[in-house]
Amino acid sequence: MKLSEKPKWQELPLAASIVEPATSLEYKTGDWKTLKPVVDTTKCIRCATCYIFCPEAAYEENEEGYFLPNYDYCKGCGICAVECPAMCIQMVEEEAE
């Protein structure tokens, strides 16, 4: 199929779930990643820098005050590992399930 034969974006059908409000939690986008952040809590200073810089808001605070990635939504961009002042986040290869 030639590019000129493909429908324009305006012609694509809309899924009802995409245009309804408050549905983003239904879309687990974490399957896109090839790398994932792993937090070494023995080095973590609980500063929340990872949480602040995460463009997907994929970090969640646990009962002990550590911010850990929610892999259902983390896309593996690595910003958290770059910004972490304690250097306790390591990006590791995601394993296929």
N, C-alpha and C. Protein backbone atom coordinates (compact mmCIF):
# COMPACT_ATOMS: atom_id res chain seq x y z
N MET A 1 0.85 -1.18 0.00
CA MET A 1 0.00 0.00 0.00
C MET A 1 0.89 1.24 0.00
N LYS A 2 0.59 2.14 -0.87
CA LYS A 2 1.32 3.40 -0.95
C LYS A 2 0.87 4.33 0.16
N LEU A 3 1.78 5.21 0.56
CA LEU A 3 1.46 6.18 1.60
C LEU A 3 0.26 7.03 1.21
N SER A 4 0.15 7.36 -0.06
CA SER A 4 -0.97 8.19 -0.51
C SER A 4 -2.32 7.47 -0.41
N GLU A 5 -2.28 6.12 -0.34
CA GLU A 5 -3.51 5.34 -0.24
C GLU A 5 -3.98 5.17 1.20
N LYS A 6 -3.12 5.44 2.14
CA LYS A 6 -3.49 5.28 3.55
C LYS A 6 -4.40 6.42 3.98
N PRO A 7 -5.32 6.17 4.91
CA PRO A 7 -6.22 7.24 5.34
C PRO A 7 -5.49 8.34 6.10
N LYS A 8 -5.99 9.53 5.99
CA LYS A 8 -5.45 10.65 6.75
C LYS A 8 -5.85 10.47 8.21
N TRP A 9 -5.13 11.14 9.12
CA TRP A 9 -5.43 10.95 10.53
C TRP A 9 -6.85 11.36 10.88
N GLN A 10 -7.39 12.35 10.14
CA GLN A 10 -8.74 12.82 10.39
C GLN A 10 -9.78 11.76 10.03
N GLU A 11 -9.40 10.83 9.18
CA GLU A 11 -10.32 9.79 8.71
C GLU A 11 -10.31 8.54 9.58
N LEU A 12 -9.38 8.45 10.51
CA LEU A 12 -9.30 7.27 11.36
C LEU A 12 -10.44 7.24 12.36
N PRO A 13 -11.01 6.05 12.62
CA PRO A 13 -12.10 5.98 13.60
C PRO A 13 -11.59 6.23 15.01
N LEU A 14 -12.40 6.89 15.82
CA LEU A 14 -12.04 7.15 17.21
C LEU A 14 -12.60 6.05 18.09
N ALA A 15 -11.77 5.58 19.02
CA ALA A 15 -12.25 4.63 20.01
C ALA A 15 -12.92 5.41 21.12
N ALA A 16 -14.08 4.99 21.55
CA ALA A 16 -14.83 5.73 22.58
C ALA A 16 -14.05 5.85 23.87
N SER A 17 -13.26 4.85 24.23
CA SER A 17 -12.53 4.89 25.49
C SER A 17 -11.42 5.93 25.48
N ILE A 18 -10.97 6.33 24.31
CA ILE A 18 -9.91 7.32 24.24
C ILE A 18 -10.46 8.72 24.49
N VAL A 19 -11.67 8.99 24.08
CA VAL A 19 -12.22 10.33 24.23
C VAL A 19 -12.98 10.53 25.53
N GLU A 20 -13.16 9.48 26.30
CA GLU A 20 -13.83 9.62 27.60
C GLU A 20 -12.82 10.11 28.63
N PRO A 21 -13.25 10.93 29.58
CA PRO A 21 -12.32 11.42 30.61
C PRO A 21 -11.94 10.34 31.60
N ALA A 22 -10.77 10.50 32.21
CA ALA A 22 -10.29 9.65 33.30
C ALA A 22 -10.13 8.18 32.90
N THR A 23 -9.57 7.95 31.71
CA THR A 23 -9.35 6.57 31.27
C THR A 23 -7.88 6.22 31.12
N SER A 24 -6.98 7.14 31.43
CA SER A 24 -5.55 6.88 31.18
C SER A 24 -5.01 5.72 32.01
N LEU A 25 -5.56 5.47 33.19
CA LEU A 25 -5.08 4.36 34.00
C LEU A 25 -5.39 3.00 33.38
N GLU A 26 -6.33 2.97 32.45
CA GLU A 26 -6.67 1.71 31.78
C GLU A 26 -5.61 1.31 30.75
N TYR A 27 -4.78 2.24 30.33
CA TYR A 27 -3.80 1.97 29.29
C TYR A 27 -2.43 1.76 29.92
N LYS A 28 -2.04 0.52 30.08
CA LYS A 28 -0.75 0.16 30.66
C LYS A 28 0.31 0.32 29.57
N THR A 29 1.05 1.42 29.63
CA THR A 29 2.01 1.75 28.57
C THR A 29 3.42 1.25 28.87
N GLY A 30 3.60 0.57 29.98
CA GLY A 30 4.93 0.11 30.37
C GLY A 30 5.50 -0.98 29.48
N ASP A 31 4.68 -1.62 28.68
CA ASP A 31 5.18 -2.67 27.79
C ASP A 31 6.04 -2.12 26.67
N TRP A 32 6.11 -0.81 26.53
CA TRP A 32 6.89 -0.20 25.47
C TRP A 32 8.39 -0.23 25.77
N LYS A 33 8.77 -0.37 27.03
CA LYS A 33 10.16 -0.16 27.41
C LYS A 33 11.06 -1.35 27.07
N THR A 34 12.33 -1.03 26.82
CA THR A 34 13.37 -2.06 26.66
C THR A 34 14.31 -2.05 27.85
N LEU A 35 14.34 -0.93 28.57
CA LEU A 35 15.12 -0.81 29.80
C LEU A 35 14.17 -0.43 30.93
N LYS A 36 14.52 -0.84 32.15
CA LYS A 36 13.70 -0.45 33.29
C LYS A 36 14.58 0.04 34.43
N PRO A 37 14.09 0.99 35.22
CA PRO A 37 14.87 1.49 36.35
C PRO A 37 14.72 0.55 37.55
N VAL A 38 15.86 0.25 38.18
CA VAL A 38 15.86 -0.54 39.40
C VAL A 38 16.49 0.32 40.49
N VAL A 39 15.76 0.50 41.59
CA VAL A 39 16.19 1.37 42.68
C VAL A 39 16.89 0.54 43.75
N ASP A 40 18.10 0.95 44.10
CA ASP A 40 18.83 0.33 45.22
C ASP A 40 18.45 1.12 46.47
N THR A 41 17.55 0.57 47.26
CA THR A 41 17.05 1.31 48.43
C THR A 41 18.11 1.46 49.52
N THR A 42 19.20 0.72 49.44
CA THR A 42 20.27 0.91 50.44
C THR A 42 21.04 2.20 50.18
N LYS A 43 20.97 2.73 48.96
CA LYS A 43 21.63 3.98 48.61
C LYS A 43 20.65 5.16 48.53
N CYS A 44 19.37 4.86 48.42
CA CYS A 44 18.34 5.89 48.22
C CYS A 44 18.23 6.80 49.43
N ILE A 45 18.16 8.12 49.17
CA ILE A 45 18.02 9.11 50.25
C ILE A 45 16.59 9.63 50.36
N ARG A 46 15.68 9.04 49.62
CA ARG A 46 14.25 9.37 49.64
C ARG A 46 13.97 10.85 49.34
N CYS A 47 14.67 11.38 48.37
CA CYS A 47 14.54 12.79 48.02
C CYS A 47 13.38 13.07 47.06
N ALA A 48 12.87 12.03 46.43
CA ALA A 48 11.75 12.12 45.47
C ALA A 48 12.14 12.77 44.14
N THR A 49 13.42 12.91 43.86
CA THR A 49 13.84 13.50 42.58
C THR A 49 13.35 12.64 41.42
N CYS A 50 13.38 11.33 41.57
CA CYS A 50 12.89 10.44 40.52
C CYS A 50 11.42 10.69 40.24
N TYR A 51 10.66 10.86 41.29
CA TYR A 51 9.22 11.13 41.18
C TYR A 51 8.97 12.47 40.49
N ILE A 52 9.74 13.47 40.86
CA ILE A 52 9.57 14.82 40.31
C ILE A 52 9.90 14.87 38.82
N PHE A 53 10.97 14.20 38.41
CA PHE A 53 11.41 14.29 37.02
C PHE A 53 10.76 13.27 36.09
N CYS A 54 10.08 12.27 36.62
CA CYS A 54 9.47 11.24 35.76
C CYS A 54 8.38 11.85 34.90
N PRO A 55 8.54 11.83 33.56
CA PRO A 55 7.53 12.44 32.69
C PRO A 55 6.22 11.66 32.66
N GLU A 56 6.22 10.43 33.13
CA GLU A 56 5.01 9.60 33.12
C GLU A 56 4.35 9.50 34.49
N ALA A 57 4.92 10.14 35.49
CA ALA A 57 4.43 10.01 36.87
C ALA A 57 4.31 8.54 37.25
N ALA A 58 5.34 7.77 36.89
CA ALA A 58 5.33 6.32 37.11
C ALA A 58 5.95 5.91 38.43
N TYR A 59 6.34 6.86 39.25
CA TYR A 59 6.91 6.54 40.56
C TYR A 59 5.84 6.67 41.63
N GLU A 60 5.87 5.74 42.57
CA GLU A 60 4.92 5.74 43.68
C GLU A 60 5.68 5.59 44.98
N GLU A 61 5.23 6.29 46.01
CA GLU A 61 5.87 6.21 47.32
C GLU A 61 5.33 5.00 48.07
N ASN A 62 6.24 4.20 48.64
CA ASN A 62 5.79 3.06 49.44
C ASN A 62 5.69 3.45 50.92
N GLU A 63 5.34 2.50 51.75
CA GLU A 63 5.12 2.76 53.18
C GLU A 63 6.38 3.28 53.89
N GLU A 64 7.55 2.91 53.39
CA GLU A 64 8.81 3.31 54.02
C GLU A 64 9.35 4.64 53.49
N GLY A 65 8.62 5.26 52.57
CA GLY A 65 9.04 6.55 52.04
C GLY A 65 9.94 6.48 50.82
N TYR A 66 10.15 5.28 50.28
CA TYR A 66 10.93 5.14 49.06
C TYR A 66 10.01 5.32 47.86
N PHE A 67 10.53 5.96 46.83
CA PHE A 67 9.79 6.10 45.58
C PHE A 67 10.27 5.02 44.63
N LEU A 68 9.35 4.17 44.21
CA LEU A 68 9.67 3.04 43.36
C LEU A 68 8.86 3.12 42.08
N PRO A 69 9.45 2.64 40.96
CA PRO A 69 8.74 2.73 39.68
C PRO A 69 7.57 1.76 39.60
N ASN A 70 6.50 2.23 39.00
CA ASN A 70 5.37 1.37 38.67
C ASN A 70 5.61 0.94 37.22
N TYR A 71 6.01 -0.31 37.04
CA TYR A 71 6.41 -0.78 35.71
C TYR A 71 5.24 -0.88 34.74
N ASP A 72 4.01 -0.80 35.22
CA ASP A 72 2.87 -0.79 34.30
C ASP A 72 2.84 0.47 33.45
N TYR A 73 3.44 1.56 33.97
CA TYR A 73 3.39 2.85 33.28
C TYR A 73 4.77 3.39 32.90
N CYS A 74 5.82 2.89 33.50
CA CYS A 74 7.18 3.34 33.19
C CYS A 74 7.53 2.95 31.76
N LYS A 75 8.05 3.92 31.00
CA LYS A 75 8.44 3.66 29.61
C LYS A 75 9.95 3.48 29.45
N GLY A 76 10.69 3.50 30.57
CA GLY A 76 12.12 3.22 30.53
C GLY A 76 12.96 4.31 29.91
N CYS A 77 12.57 5.56 30.05
CA CYS A 77 13.32 6.66 29.42
C CYS A 77 14.66 6.91 30.09
N GLY A 78 14.79 6.59 31.39
CA GLY A 78 16.06 6.75 32.09
C GLY A 78 16.30 8.12 32.69
N ILE A 79 15.34 9.02 32.59
CA ILE A 79 15.52 10.36 33.16
C ILE A 79 15.74 10.25 34.67
N CYS A 80 15.01 9.36 35.32
CA CYS A 80 15.15 9.20 36.76
C CYS A 80 16.57 8.82 37.15
N ALA A 81 17.20 7.92 36.39
CA ALA A 81 18.56 7.49 36.68
C ALA A 81 19.57 8.62 36.48
N VAL A 82 19.34 9.44 35.48
CA VAL A 82 20.23 10.57 35.21
C VAL A 82 20.11 11.63 36.30
N GLU A 83 18.91 11.90 36.76
CA GLU A 83 18.66 12.98 37.71
C GLU A 83 18.89 12.59 39.17
N CYS A 84 18.96 11.31 39.48
CA CYS A 84 19.08 10.86 40.87
C CYS A 84 20.39 11.33 41.50
N PRO A 85 20.33 12.17 42.55
CA PRO A 85 21.57 12.67 43.17
C PRO A 85 22.34 11.59 43.93
N ALA A 86 21.65 10.56 44.37
CA ALA A 86 22.31 9.47 45.10
C ALA A 86 22.83 8.38 44.17
N MET A 87 22.53 8.49 42.89
CA MET A 87 22.92 7.50 41.88
C MET A 87 22.52 6.08 42.31
N CYS A 88 21.30 5.96 42.80
CA CYS A 88 20.83 4.65 43.26
C CYS A 88 19.91 3.97 42.26
N ILE A 89 19.71 4.58 41.10
CA ILE A 89 18.84 3.98 40.08
C ILE A 89 19.70 3.51 38.92
N GLN A 90 19.55 2.24 38.60
CA GLN A 90 20.29 1.66 37.49
C GLN A 90 19.29 1.20 36.43
N MET A 91 19.57 1.53 35.19
CA MET A 91 18.72 1.07 34.09
C MET A 91 19.21 -0.31 33.65
N VAL A 92 18.31 -1.27 33.69
CA VAL A 92 18.66 -2.64 33.31
C VAL A 92 17.74 -3.08 32.17
N GLU A 93 18.22 -4.06 31.43
CA GLU A 93 17.45 -4.55 30.29
C GLU A 93 16.18 -5.24 30.78
N GLU A 94 15.08 -4.90 30.12
CA GLU A 94 13.80 -5.51 30.44
C GLU A 94 13.79 -6.94 29.90
N GLU A 95 13.33 -7.85 30.71
CA GLU A 95 13.27 -9.26 30.30
C GLU A 95 11.91 -9.55 29.68
N ALA A 96 11.93 -10.33 28.61
CA ALA A 96 10.68 -10.72 27.95
C ALA A 96 9.96 -11.73 28.82
N GLU A 97 8.64 -11.59 28.87
CA GLU A 97 7.85 -12.52 29.68
C GLU A 97 7.26 -13.60 28.84
